[in-house]
Amino acid sequence: MDEAAFRAALTDALALPCPFGRAILRCCAACDRSSQVQIAEREAIACQNAASHSRCKQLDAQLRDSFTFALGKARISVPLTHAEEMRVQCGGLKGLQQVLEGRTEIENIDTLVGNALQRWGRLDGIPYSEIVHAAAAAYKGRRR
């Protein structure tokens, strides 16, 4: 399957692609709202709930904005490399879990986001600078 056909099949199969799909596939986190989809020997993660998808999408955007300095970028306008994406997704979620509950294991992303909303009222009220600092300690990428 060529890349254009794969992208078209992916768009058709995933009405709500999970913003943290790479973190789920990497086993950094889990989510009870996600489902795994296989297309042309590749795996993708879909969200089964529109409200959860919207919240996670907003959190992902906030994490990306907050990680710009940590990634050594002035702003994120181009797609991130896989390693940078893992720092944002795995590191950001682990950092959020650390700040919220003092541990880094993420059993359910949807619950984590719900707990963050309950504590800070809204996603843009989260102390992202603390999250980025906690992420540096909580997530170390693969070493060569």
Foldseek 3Di string as FASTA:
>chain_A
DDPVVQVVVVVVVAVQFAPLFVCVVVVLADAPQWDWDDDPNDITIHGNDPVLSVLRVVLLVVLQQLCCVVVVHPHDDDDDDPVVSCLSRSLLQQLLCCVQPNGRRHHHVSVSSVSQCVVQVGSVSDPSVSSNVSSVVRDDDDDD
